[in-house]
Amino acid sequence: MANNHVEQIITQAIKSKREVRFTYDKPGDFAKGLREGYPHALYYTKTTGKTKVDVYQTGGDTTNRTTIPGWKPFDVEYIRTIDIIDETFTIQQGYNSNSARYINSIVKL
């Protein structure tokens, strides 16, 4: 799946505040399965220029160093499949739309 298509789906999900379900396959990450969560911001990183999405992950696979539910940044280039779920969400605690990390945002809540 082209990253452009993934970005379009993420953008639609953020604008409509709808949950996403996606598969993530980042090299070196042993948890390569399905994830679910609430996307809040799609942006380019200041340091590397990579496209990331900050998701409040509610379910699915995770590494042993992180907990669910919780905030996770995902590299868009490693999202293999993605679907919007009918479930809507509210902005989650800990989200700061004015954070410096979103200076190059594509879309954010």
PDB file of N, CA and C in Angstrom:
ATOM      1  N   MET A   1       0.855  -1.186   0.000  1.00  0.00           N
ATOM      2  CA  MET A   1       0.000   0.000   0.000  1.00  0.00           C
ATOM      3  C   MET A   1       0.890   1.235   0.000  1.00  0.00           C
ATOM      4  N   ALA A   2       0.635   2.158  -0.874  1.00  0.00           N
ATOM      5  CA  ALA A   2       1.438   3.377  -0.957  1.00  0.00           C
ATOM      6  C   ALA A   2       1.202   4.253   0.267  1.00  0.00           C
ATOM      7  N   ASN A   3       2.265   4.909   0.700  1.00  0.00           N
ATOM      8  CA  ASN A   3       2.156   5.777   1.873  1.00  0.00           C
ATOM      9  C   ASN A   3       1.142   6.886   1.664  1.00  0.00           C
ATOM     10  N   ASN A   4       1.021   7.366   0.425  1.00  0.00           N
ATOM     11  CA  ASN A   4       0.065   8.422   0.119  1.00  0.00           C
ATOM     12  C   ASN A   4      -1.349   7.977   0.466  1.00  0.00           C
ATOM     13  N   HIS A   5      -1.677   6.743   0.128  1.00  0.00           N
ATOM     14  CA  HIS A   5      -2.997   6.190   0.435  1.00  0.00           C
ATOM     15  C   HIS A   5      -3.190   6.073   1.947  1.00  0.00           C
ATOM     16  N   VAL A   6      -2.171   5.610   2.646  1.00  0.00           N
ATOM     17  CA  VAL A   6      -2.226   5.490   4.107  1.00  0.00           C
ATOM     18  C   VAL A   6      -2.432   6.869   4.720  1.00  0.00           C
ATOM     19  N   GLU A   7      -1.696   7.871   4.244  1.00  0.00           N
ATOM     20  CA  GLU A   7      -1.842   9.232   4.762  1.00  0.00           C
ATOM     21  C   GLU A   7      -3.252   9.767   4.544  1.00  0.00           C
ATOM     22  N   GLN A   8      -3.848   9.468   3.408  1.00  0.00           N
ATOM     23  CA  GLN A   8      -5.222   9.912   3.136  1.00  0.00           C
ATOM     24  C   GLN A   8      -6.205   9.300   4.127  1.00  0.00           C
ATOM     25  N   ILE A   9      -6.047   8.023   4.414  1.00  0.00           N
ATOM     26  CA  ILE A   9      -6.937   7.349   5.360  1.00  0.00           C
ATOM     27  C   ILE A   9      -6.737   7.910   6.769  1.00  0.00           C
ATOM     28  N   ILE A  10      -5.481   8.112   7.165  1.00  0.00           N
ATOM     29  CA  ILE A  10      -5.207   8.686   8.489  1.00  0.00           C
ATOM     30  C   ILE A  10      -5.804  10.085   8.589  1.00  0.00           C
ATOM     31  N   THR A  11      -5.636  10.887   7.555  1.00  0.00           N
ATOM     32  CA  THR A  11      -6.192  12.244   7.537  1.00  0.00           C
ATOM     33  C   THR A  11      -7.706  12.209   7.721  1.00  0.00           C
ATOM     34  N   GLN A  12      -8.367  11.332   6.987  1.00  0.00           N
ATOM     35  CA  GLN A  12      -9.827  11.190   7.092  1.00  0.00           C
ATOM     36  C   GLN A  12     -10.223  10.771   8.509  1.00  0.00           C
ATOM     37  N   ALA A  13      -9.486   9.833   9.097  1.00  0.00           N
ATOM     38  CA  ALA A  13      -9.792   9.350  10.442  1.00  0.00           C
ATOM     39  C   ALA A  13      -9.609  10.452  11.482  1.00  0.00           C
ATOM     40  N   ILE A  14      -8.545  11.238  11.353  1.00  0.00           N
ATOM     41  CA  ILE A  14      -8.309  12.333  12.299  1.00  0.00           C
ATOM     42  C   ILE A  14      -9.419  13.370  12.192  1.00  0.00           C
ATOM     43  N   LYS A  15      -9.746  13.763  10.971  1.00  0.00           N
ATOM     44  CA  LYS A  15     -10.777  14.793  10.769  1.00  0.00           C
ATOM     45  C   LYS A  15     -12.137  14.355  11.288  1.00  0.00           C
ATOM     46  N   SER A  16     -12.428  13.071  11.209  1.00  0.00           N
ATOM     47  CA  SER A  16     -13.729  12.573  11.659  1.00  0.00           C
ATOM     48  C   SER A  16     -13.674  11.969  13.071  1.00  0.00           C
ATOM     49  N   LYS A  17     -12.475  12.021  13.702  1.00  0.00           N
ATOM     50  CA  LYS A  17     -12.261  11.453  15.043  1.00  0.00           C
ATOM     51  C   LYS A  17     -12.774  10.017  15.117  1.00  0.00           C
ATOM     52  N   ARG A  18     -12.272   9.203  14.170  1.00  0.00           N
ATOM     53  CA  ARG A  18     -12.659   7.795  14.142  1.00  0.00           C
ATOM     54  C   ARG A  18     -11.437   6.916  14.366  1.00  0.00           C
ATOM     55  N   GLU A  19     -11.687   5.818  15.048  1.00  0.00           N
ATOM     56  CA  GLU A  19     -10.631   4.860  15.378  1.00  0.00           C
ATOM     57  C   GLU A  19     -10.102   4.192  14.113  1.00  0.00           C
ATOM     58  N   VAL A  20      -8.830   3.800  14.150  1.00  0.00           N
ATOM     59  CA  VAL A  20      -8.228   3.057  13.047  1.00  0.00           C
ATOM     60  C   VAL A  20      -7.724   1.709  13.551  1.00  0.00           C
ATOM     61  N   ARG A  21      -7.675   0.762  12.633  1.00  0.00           N
ATOM     62  CA  ARG A  21      -7.082  -0.560  12.871  1.00  0.00           C
ATOM     63  C   ARG A  21      -6.057  -0.746  11.758  1.00  0.00           C
ATOM     64  N   PHE A  22      -4.817  -1.048  12.140  1.00  0.00           N
ATOM     65  CA  PHE A  22      -3.767  -1.151  11.125  1.00  0.00           C
ATOM     66  C   PHE A  22      -2.732  -2.208  11.476  1.00  0.00           C
ATOM     67  N   THR A  23      -2.057  -2.689  10.438  1.00  0.00           N
ATOM     68  CA  THR A  23      -0.936  -3.596  10.650  1.00  0.00           C
ATOM     69  C   THR A  23       0.339  -2.780  10.515  1.00  0.00           C
ATOM     70  N   TYR A  24       1.301  -3.089  11.372  1.00  0.00           N
ATOM     71  CA  TYR A  24       2.544  -2.327  11.469  1.00  0.00           C
ATOM     72  C   TYR A  24       3.696  -3.301  11.404  1.00  0.00           C
ATOM     73  N   ASP A  25       4.654  -3.031  10.532  1.00  0.00           N
ATOM     74  CA  ASP A  25       5.768  -3.947  10.316  1.00  0.00           C
ATOM     75  C   ASP A  25       7.068  -3.154  10.225  1.00  0.00           C
ATOM     76  N   LYS A  26       7.557  -2.697  11.361  1.00  0.00           N
ATOM     77  CA  LYS A  26       8.802  -1.922  11.397  1.00  0.00           C
ATOM     78  C   LYS A  26       9.972  -2.863  11.655  1.00  0.00           C
ATOM     79  N   PRO A  27      11.037  -2.761  10.861  1.00  0.00           N
ATOM     80  CA  PRO A  27      12.203  -3.618  11.082  1.00  0.00           C
ATOM     81  C   PRO A  27      12.724  -3.474  12.511  1.00  0.00           C
ATOM     82  N   GLY A  28      13.033  -4.598  13.132  1.00  0.00           N
ATOM     83  CA  GLY A  28      13.550  -4.603  14.491  1.00  0.00           C
ATOM     84  C   GLY A  28      12.479  -4.599  15.569  1.00  0.00           C
ATOM     85  N   ASP A  29      11.225  -4.429  15.177  1.00  0.00           N
ATOM     86  CA  ASP A  29      10.123  -4.451  16.137  1.00  0.00           C
ATOM     87  C   ASP A  29       9.488  -5.826  16.058  1.00  0.00           C
ATOM     88  N   PHE A  30       9.590  -6.597  17.145  1.00  0.00           N
ATOM     89  CA  PHE A  30       9.084  -7.975  17.096  1.00  0.00           C
ATOM     90  C   PHE A  30       7.570  -8.046  17.097  1.00  0.00           C
ATOM     91  N   ALA A  31       6.889  -6.974  17.516  1.00  0.00           N
ATOM     92  CA  ALA A  31       5.425  -6.956  17.535  1.00  0.00           C
ATOM     93  C   ALA A  31       4.938  -6.429  16.189  1.00  0.00           C
ATOM     94  N   LYS A  32       4.707  -7.329  15.253  1.00  0.00           N
ATOM     95  CA  LYS A  32       4.411  -6.941  13.882  1.00  0.00           C
ATOM     96  C   LYS A  32       2.948  -7.135  13.493  1.00  0.00           C
ATOM     97  N   GLY A  33       2.073  -7.113  14.454  1.00  0.00           N
ATOM     98  CA  GLY A  33       0.688  -7.412  14.154  1.00  0.00           C
ATOM     99  C   GLY A  33      -0.222  -6.213  14.089  1.00  0.00           C
ATOM    100  N   LEU A  34      -1.456  -6.498  14.382  1.00  0.00           N
ATOM    101  CA  LEU A  34      -2.536  -5.529  14.319  1.00  0.00           C
ATOM    102  C   LEU A  34      -2.492  -4.568  15.497  1.00  0.00           C
ATOM    103  N   ARG A  35      -2.791  -3.306  15.222  1.00  0.00           N
ATOM    104  CA  ARG A  35      -2.929  -2.300  16.262  1.00  0.00           C
ATOM    105  C   ARG A  35      -4.245  -1.566  16.084  1.00  0.00           C
ATOM    106  N   GLU A  36      -4.790  -1.032  17.173  1.00  0.00           N
ATOM    107  CA  GLU A  36      -6.011  -0.227  17.124  1.00  0.00           C
ATOM    108  C   GLU A  36      -5.790   1.011  17.969  1.00  0.00           C
ATOM    109  N   GLY A  37      -6.376   2.122  17.523  1.00  0.00           N
ATOM    110  CA  GLY A  37      -6.238   3.318  18.341  1.00  0.00           C
ATOM    111  C   GLY A  37      -6.836   4.547  17.694  1.00  0.00           C
ATOM    112  N   TYR A  38      -6.604   5.657  18.392  1.00  0.00           N
ATOM    113  CA  TYR A  38      -7.179   6.944  18.017  1.00  0.00           C
ATOM    114  C   TYR A  38      -6.089   7.858  17.471  1.00  0.00           C
ATOM    115  N   PRO A  39      -6.066   8.111  16.165  1.00  0.00           N
ATOM    116  CA  PRO A  39      -5.041   8.992  15.603  1.00  0.00           C
ATOM    117  C   PRO A  39      -5.351  10.460  15.908  1.00  0.00           C
ATOM    118  N   HIS A  40      -4.351  11.177  16.378  1.00  0.00           N
ATOM    119  CA  HIS A  40      -4.546  12.579  16.743  1.00  0.00           C
ATOM    120  C   HIS A  40      -3.769  13.552  15.857  1.00  0.00           C
ATOM    121  N   ALA A  41      -2.594  13.127  15.352  1.00  0.00           N
ATOM    122  CA  ALA A  41      -1.775  14.044  14.559  1.00  0.00           C
ATOM    123  C   ALA A  41      -0.940  13.280  13.539  1.00  0.00           C
ATOM    124  N   LEU A  42      -0.897  13.817  12.336  1.00  0.00           N
ATOM    125  CA  LEU A  42      -0.060  13.307  11.253  1.00  0.00           C
ATOM    126  C   LEU A  42       0.923  14.422  10.936  1.00  0.00           C
ATOM    127  N   TYR A  43       2.223  14.112  10.941  1.00  0.00           N
ATOM    128  CA  TYR A  43       3.220  15.180  10.836  1.00  0.00           C
ATOM    129  C   TYR A  43       4.549  14.656  10.299  1.00  0.00           C
ATOM    130  N   TYR A  44       5.386  15.615   9.866  1.00  0.00           N
ATOM    131  CA  TYR A  44       6.759  15.322   9.485  1.00  0.00           C
ATOM    132  C   TYR A  44       7.642  15.630  10.687  1.00  0.00           C
ATOM    133  N   THR A  45       8.572  14.730  11.000  1.00  0.00           N
ATOM    134  CA  THR A  45       9.458  14.989  12.128  1.00  0.00           C
ATOM    135  C   THR A  45      10.450  16.094  11.764  1.00  0.00           C
ATOM    136  N   LYS A  46      10.822  16.868  12.769  1.00  0.00           N
ATOM    137  CA  LYS A  46      11.772  17.971  12.548  1.00  0.00           C
ATOM    138  C   LYS A  46      13.162  17.448  12.231  1.00  0.00           C
ATOM    139  N   THR A  47      13.552  16.347  12.856  1.00  0.00           N
ATOM    140  CA  THR A  47      14.923  15.865  12.713  1.00  0.00           C
ATOM    141  C   THR A  47      15.158  15.035  11.455  1.00  0.00           C
ATOM    142  N   THR A  48      14.227  14.120  11.146  1.00  0.00           N
ATOM    143  CA  THR A  48      14.451  13.205  10.018  1.00  0.00           C
ATOM    144  C   THR A  48      13.566  13.497   8.805  1.00  0.00           C
ATOM    145  N   GLY A  49      12.499  14.263   9.002  1.00  0.00           N
ATOM    146  CA  GLY A  49      11.572  14.532   7.906  1.00  0.00           C
ATOM    147  C   GLY A  49      10.645  13.364   7.615  1.00  0.00           C
ATOM    148  N   LYS A  50      10.708  12.304   8.440  1.00  0.00           N
ATOM    149  CA  LYS A  50       9.814  11.151   8.241  1.00  0.00           C
ATOM    150  C   LYS A  50       8.392  11.516   8.639  1.00  0.00           C
ATOM    151  N   THR A  51       7.438  10.839   8.016  1.00  0.00           N
ATOM    152  CA  THR A  51       6.038  11.063   8.348  1.00  0.00           C
ATOM    153  C   THR A  51       5.645  10.119   9.471  1.00  0.00           C
ATOM    154  N   LYS A  52       5.074  10.691  10.528  1.00  0.00           N
ATOM    155  CA  LYS A  52       4.635   9.908  11.686  1.00  0.00           C
ATOM    156  C   LYS A  52       3.187  10.238  12.003  1.00  0.00           C
ATOM    157  N   VAL A  53       2.553   9.311  12.700  1.00  0.00           N
ATOM    158  CA  VAL A  53       1.212   9.543  13.224  1.00  0.00           C
ATOM    159  C   VAL A  53       1.247   9.220  14.713  1.00  0.00           C
ATOM    160  N   ASP A  54       0.750  10.157  15.518  1.00  0.00           N
ATOM    161  CA  ASP A  54       0.651   9.917  16.950  1.00  0.00           C
ATOM    162  C   ASP A  54      -0.726   9.335  17.236  1.00  0.00           C
ATOM    163  N   VAL A  55      -0.724   8.140  17.814  1.00  0.00           N
ATOM    164  CA  VAL A  55      -1.947   7.375  18.054  1.00  0.00           C
ATOM    165  C   VAL A  55      -2.057   7.069  19.547  1.00  0.00           C
ATOM    166  N   TYR A  56      -3.240   7.237  20.087  1.00  0.00           N
ATOM    167  CA  TYR A  56      -3.511   6.742  21.429  1.00  0.00           C
ATOM    168  C   TYR A  56      -3.953   5.303  21.226  1.00  0.00           C
ATOM    169  N   GLN A  57      -3.015   4.364  21.423  1.00  0.00           N
ATOM    170  CA  GLN A  57      -3.278   2.957  21.119  1.00  0.00           C
ATOM    171  C   GLN A  57      -4.160   2.340  22.192  1.00  0.00           C
ATOM    172  N   THR A  58      -5.243   1.690  21.732  1.00  0.00           N
ATOM    173  CA  THR A  58      -6.211   1.091  22.649  1.00  0.00           C
ATOM    174  C   THR A  58      -6.190  -0.431  22.634  1.00  0.00           C
ATOM    175  N   GLY A  59      -5.575  -1.030  21.627  1.00  0.00           N
ATOM    176  CA  GLY A  59      -5.551  -2.480  21.538  1.00  0.00           C
ATOM    177  C   GLY A  59      -4.564  -2.966  20.504  1.00  0.00           C
ATOM    178  N   GLY A  60      -4.339  -4.269  20.521  1.00  0.00           N
ATOM    179  CA  GLY A  60      -3.458  -4.894  19.543  1.00  0.00           C
ATOM    180  C   GLY A  60      -2.071  -5.150  20.086  1.00  0.00           C
ATOM    181  N   ASP A  61      -1.159  -5.442  19.185  1.00  0.00           N
ATOM    182  CA  ASP A  61       0.217  -5.767  19.545  1.00  0.00           C
ATOM    183  C   ASP A  61       0.979  -4.536  20.020  1.00  0.00           C
ATOM    184  N   THR A  62       1.986  -4.778  20.833  1.00  0.00           N
ATOM    185  CA  THR A  62       2.878  -3.728  21.281  1.00  0.00           C
ATOM    186  C   THR A  62       4.190  -4.362  21.707  1.00  0.00           C
ATOM    187  N   THR A  63       5.226  -3.543  21.822  1.00  0.00           N
ATOM    188  CA  THR A  63       6.492  -4.062  22.324  1.00  0.00           C
ATOM    189  C   THR A  63       6.389  -4.207  23.834  1.00  0.00           C
ATOM    190  N   ASN A  64       7.290  -4.923  24.427  1.00  0.00           N
ATOM    191  CA  ASN A  64       7.234  -5.148  25.878  1.00  0.00           C
ATOM    192  C   ASN A  64       7.620  -3.916  26.687  1.00  0.00           C
ATOM    193  N   ARG A  65       8.092  -2.866  26.025  1.00  0.00           N
ATOM    194  CA  ARG A  65       8.490  -1.653  26.733  1.00  0.00           C
ATOM    195  C   ARG A  65       7.354  -0.636  26.834  1.00  0.00           C
ATOM    196  N   THR A  66       6.220  -0.944  26.271  1.00  0.00           N
ATOM    197  CA  THR A  66       5.131   0.028  26.257  1.00  0.00           C
ATOM    198  C   THR A  66       3.854  -0.622  26.779  1.00  0.00           C
ATOM    199  N   THR A  67       2.921   0.212  27.176  1.00  0.00           N
ATOM    200  CA  THR A  67       1.669  -0.298  27.711  1.00  0.00           C
ATOM    201  C   THR A  67       0.492   0.196  26.876  1.00  0.00           C
ATOM    202  N   ILE A  68      -0.588  -0.531  26.963  1.00  0.00           N
ATOM    203  CA  ILE A  68      -1.842  -0.175  26.297  1.00  0.00           C
ATOM    204  C   ILE A  68      -2.889  -0.056  27.387  1.00  0.00           C
ATOM    205  N   PRO A  69      -3.712   0.971  27.400  1.00  0.00           N
ATOM    206  CA  PRO A  69      -3.705   2.058  26.420  1.00  0.00           C
ATOM    207  C   PRO A  69      -2.566   3.029  26.696  1.00  0.00           C
ATOM    208  N   GLY A  70      -2.165   3.732  25.642  1.00  0.00           N
ATOM    209  CA  GLY A  70      -1.106   4.716  25.777  1.00  0.00           C
ATOM    210  C   GLY A  70      -0.731   5.344  24.454  1.00  0.00           C
ATOM    211  N   TRP A  71       0.024   6.440  24.542  1.00  0.00           N
ATOM    212  CA  TRP A  71       0.459   7.182  23.362  1.00  0.00           C
ATOM    213  C   TRP A  71       1.609   6.485  22.668  1.00  0.00           C
ATOM    214  N   LYS A  72       1.521   6.408  21.339  1.00  0.00           N
ATOM    215  CA  LYS A  72       2.590   5.816  20.547  1.00  0.00           C
ATOM    216  C   LYS A  72       2.739   6.576  19.226  1.00  0.00           C
ATOM    217  N   PRO A  73       3.971   6.891  18.844  1.00  0.00           N
ATOM    218  CA  PRO A  73       4.213   7.426  17.504  1.00  0.00           C
ATOM    219  C   PRO A  73       4.507   6.254  16.563  1.00  0.00           C
ATOM    220  N   PHE A  74       3.910   6.280  15.397  1.00  0.00           N
ATOM    221  CA  PHE A  74       4.150   5.231  14.398  1.00  0.00           C
ATOM    222  C   PHE A  74       4.689   5.857  13.123  1.00  0.00           C
ATOM    223  N   ASP A  75       5.709   5.214  12.534  1.00  0.00           N
ATOM    224  CA  ASP A  75       6.228   5.643  11.236  1.00  0.00           C
ATOM    225  C   ASP A  75       5.240   5.198  10.164  1.00  0.00           C
ATOM    226  N   VAL A  76       4.730   6.153   9.406  1.00  0.00           N
ATOM    227  CA  VAL A  76       3.722   5.846   8.387  1.00  0.00           C
ATOM    228  C   VAL A  76       4.260   4.859   7.354  1.00  0.00           C
ATOM    229  N   GLU A  77       5.543   4.932   7.042  1.00  0.00           N
ATOM    230  CA  GLU A  77       6.103   4.053   6.011  1.00  0.00           C
ATOM    231  C   GLU A  77       5.999   2.571   6.369  1.00  0.00           C
ATOM    232  N   TYR A  78       5.809   2.236   7.647  1.00  0.00           N
ATOM    233  CA  TYR A  78       5.726   0.836   8.062  1.00  0.00           C
ATOM    234  C   TYR A  78       4.293   0.370   8.319  1.00  0.00           C
ATOM    235  N   ILE A  79       3.321   1.232   8.049  1.00  0.00           N
ATOM    236  CA  ILE A  79       1.918   0.812   8.149  1.00  0.00           C
ATOM    237  C   ILE A  79       1.572   0.103   6.851  1.00  0.00           C
ATOM    238  N   ARG A  80       1.222  -1.177   6.950  1.00  0.00           N
ATOM    239  CA  ARG A  80       0.988  -1.999   5.759  1.00  0.00           C
ATOM    240  C   ARG A  80      -0.474  -1.980   5.307  1.00  0.00           C
ATOM    241  N   THR A  81      -1.397  -2.066   6.234  1.00  0.00           N
ATOM    242  CA  THR A  81      -2.820  -1.972   5.910  1.00  0.00           C
ATOM    243  C   THR A  81      -3.460  -1.085   6.970  1.00  0.00           C
ATOM    244  N   ILE A  82      -4.539  -0.410   6.601  1.00  0.00           N
ATOM    245  CA  ILE A  82      -5.213   0.454   7.572  1.00  0.00           C
ATOM    246  C   ILE A  82      -6.680   0.582   7.194  1.00  0.00           C
ATOM    247  N   ASP A  83      -7.537   0.550   8.208  1.00  0.00           N
ATOM    248  CA  ASP A  83      -8.975   0.710   8.013  1.00  0.00           C
ATOM    249  C   ASP A  83      -9.514   1.650   9.077  1.00  0.00           C
ATOM    250  N   ILE A  84     -10.516   2.415   8.696  1.00  0.00           N
ATOM    251  CA  ILE A  84     -11.223   3.255   9.654  1.00  0.00           C
ATOM    252  C   ILE A  84     -12.358   2.432  10.238  1.00  0.00           C
ATOM    253  N   ILE A  85     -12.505   2.516  11.551  1.00  0.00           N
ATOM    254  CA  ILE A  85     -13.554   1.793  12.271  1.00  0.00           C
ATOM    255  C   ILE A  85     -14.660   2.800  12.599  1.00  0.00           C
ATOM    256  N   ASP A  86     -15.877   2.326  12.747  1.00  0.00           N
ATOM    257  CA  ASP A  86     -17.002   3.215  13.041  1.00  0.00           C
ATOM    258  C   ASP A  86     -16.898   3.915  14.386  1.00  0.00           C
ATOM    259  N   GLU A  87     -16.111   3.373  15.283  1.00  0.00           N
ATOM    260  CA  GLU A  87     -15.969   3.921  16.631  1.00  0.00           C
ATOM    261  C   GLU A  87     -15.391   5.339  16.588  1.00  0.00           C
ATOM    262  N   THR A  88     -16.090   6.292  17.223  1.00  0.00           N
ATOM    263  CA  THR A  88     -15.560   7.651  17.322  1.00  0.00           C
ATOM    264  C   THR A  88     -14.869   7.823  18.666  1.00  0.00           C
ATOM    265  N   PHE A  89     -14.067   8.876  18.780  1.00  0.00           N
ATOM    266  CA  PHE A  89     -13.343   9.114  20.029  1.00  0.00           C
ATOM    267  C   PHE A  89     -13.275  10.606  20.333  1.00  0.00           C
ATOM    268  N   THR A  90     -12.927  10.894  21.577  1.00  0.00           N
ATOM    269  CA  THR A  90     -12.680  12.268  21.999  1.00  0.00           C
ATOM    270  C   THR A  90     -11.171  12.442  22.152  1.00  0.00           C
ATOM    271  N   ILE A  91     -10.727  13.665  22.171  1.00  0.00           N
ATOM    272  CA  ILE A  91      -9.303  13.941  22.345  1.00  0.00           C
ATOM    273  C   ILE A  91      -8.855  13.356  23.691  1.00  0.00           C
ATOM    274  N   GLN A  92      -7.772  12.598  23.647  1.00  0.00           N
ATOM    275  CA  GLN A  92      -7.303  11.865  24.818  1.00  0.00           C
ATOM    276  C   GLN A  92      -6.383  12.724  25.692  1.00  0.00           C
ATOM    277  N   GLN A  93      -6.405  12.418  26.981  1.00  0.00           N
ATOM    278  CA  GLN A  93      -5.568  13.125  27.952  1.00  0.00           C
ATOM    279  C   GLN A  93      -4.098  12.985  27.567  1.00  0.00           C
ATOM    280  N   GLY A  94      -3.370  14.070  27.683  1.00  0.00           N
ATOM    281  CA  GLY A  94      -1.951  14.061  27.358  1.00  0.00           C
ATOM    282  C   GLY A  94      -1.646  14.596  25.977  1.00  0.00           C
ATOM    283  N   TYR A  95      -2.685  14.846  25.174  1.00  0.00           N
ATOM    284  CA  TYR A  95      -2.458  15.372  23.830  1.00  0.00           C
ATOM    285  C   TYR A  95      -2.344  16.886  23.887  1.00  0.00           C
ATOM    286  N   ASN A  96      -1.320  17.417  23.229  1.00  0.00           N
ATOM    287  CA  ASN A  96      -1.108  18.863  23.164  1.00  0.00           C
ATOM    288  C   ASN A  96      -0.944  19.265  21.709  1.00  0.00           C
ATOM    289  N   SER A  97      -1.995  19.824  21.131  1.00  0.00           N
ATOM    290  CA  SER A  97      -1.949  20.182  19.710  1.00  0.00           C
ATOM    291  C   SER A  97      -0.938  21.295  19.431  1.00  0.00           C
ATOM    292  N   ASN A  98      -0.510  21.996  20.467  1.00  0.00           N
ATOM    293  CA  ASN A  98       0.476  23.071  20.298  1.00  0.00           C
ATOM    294  C   ASN A  98       1.908  22.605  20.543  1.00  0.00           C
ATOM    295  N   SER A  99       2.108  21.300  20.678  1.00  0.00           N
ATOM    296  CA  SER A  99       3.439  20.757  20.907  1.00  0.00           C
ATOM    297  C   SER A  99       4.372  21.114  19.747  1.00  0.00           C
ATOM    298  N   ALA A 100       5.628  21.373  20.074  1.00  0.00           N
ATOM    299  CA  ALA A 100       6.626  21.697  19.048  1.00  0.00           C
ATOM    300  C   ALA A 100       6.816  20.553  18.058  1.00  0.00           C
ATOM    301  N   ARG A 101       6.487  19.332  18.452  1.00  0.00           N
ATOM    302  CA  ARG A 101       6.660  18.198  17.536  1.00  0.00           C
ATOM    303  C   ARG A 101       5.725  18.301  16.333  1.00  0.00           C
ATOM    304  N   TYR A 102       4.663  19.106  16.440  1.00  0.00           N
ATOM    305  CA  TYR A 102       3.694  19.247  15.355  1.00  0.00           C
ATOM    306  C   TYR A 102       3.909  20.504  14.515  1.00  0.00           C
ATOM    307  N   ILE A 103       5.106  21.089  14.594  1.00  0.00           N
ATOM    308  CA  ILE A 103       5.400  22.295  13.824  1.00  0.00           C
ATOM    309  C   ILE A 103       5.223  22.035  12.321  1.00  0.00           C
ATOM    310  N   ASN A 104       5.467  20.806  11.889  1.00  0.00           N
ATOM    311  CA  ASN A 104       5.299  20.429  10.477  1.00  0.00           C
ATOM    312  C   ASN A 104       4.117  19.461  10.333  1.00  0.00           C
ATOM    313  N   SER A 105       3.008  19.826  10.940  1.00  0.00           N
ATOM    314  CA  SER A 105       1.847  18.928  10.892  1.00  0.00           C
ATOM    315  C   SER A 105       1.185  18.940   9.529  1.00  0.00           C
ATOM    316  N   ILE A 106       0.644  17.792   9.167  1.00  0.00           N
ATOM    317  CA  ILE A 106      -0.152  17.645   7.962  1.00  0.00           C
ATOM    318  C   ILE A 106      -1.617  17.852   8.344  1.00  0.00           C
ATOM    319  N   VAL A 107      -2.007  17.190   9.419  1.00  0.00           N
ATOM    320  CA  VAL A 107      -3.345  17.355  10.003  1.00  0.00           C
ATOM    321  C   VAL A 107      -3.255  16.960  11.468  1.00  0.00           C
ATOM    322  N   LYS A 108      -3.996  17.685  12.309  1.00  0.00           N
ATOM    323  CA  LYS A 108      -4.002  17.375  13.740  1.00  0.00           C
ATOM    324  C   LYS A 108      -5.304  17.839  14.339  1.00  0.00           C
ATOM    325  N   LEU A 109      -5.632  17.256  15.498  1.00  0.00           N
ATOM    326  CA  LEU A 109      -6.831  17.676  16.216  1.00  0.00           C
ATOM    327  C   LEU A 109      -6.510  18.923  17.031  1.00  0.00           C
TER     328      LEU A 109
END
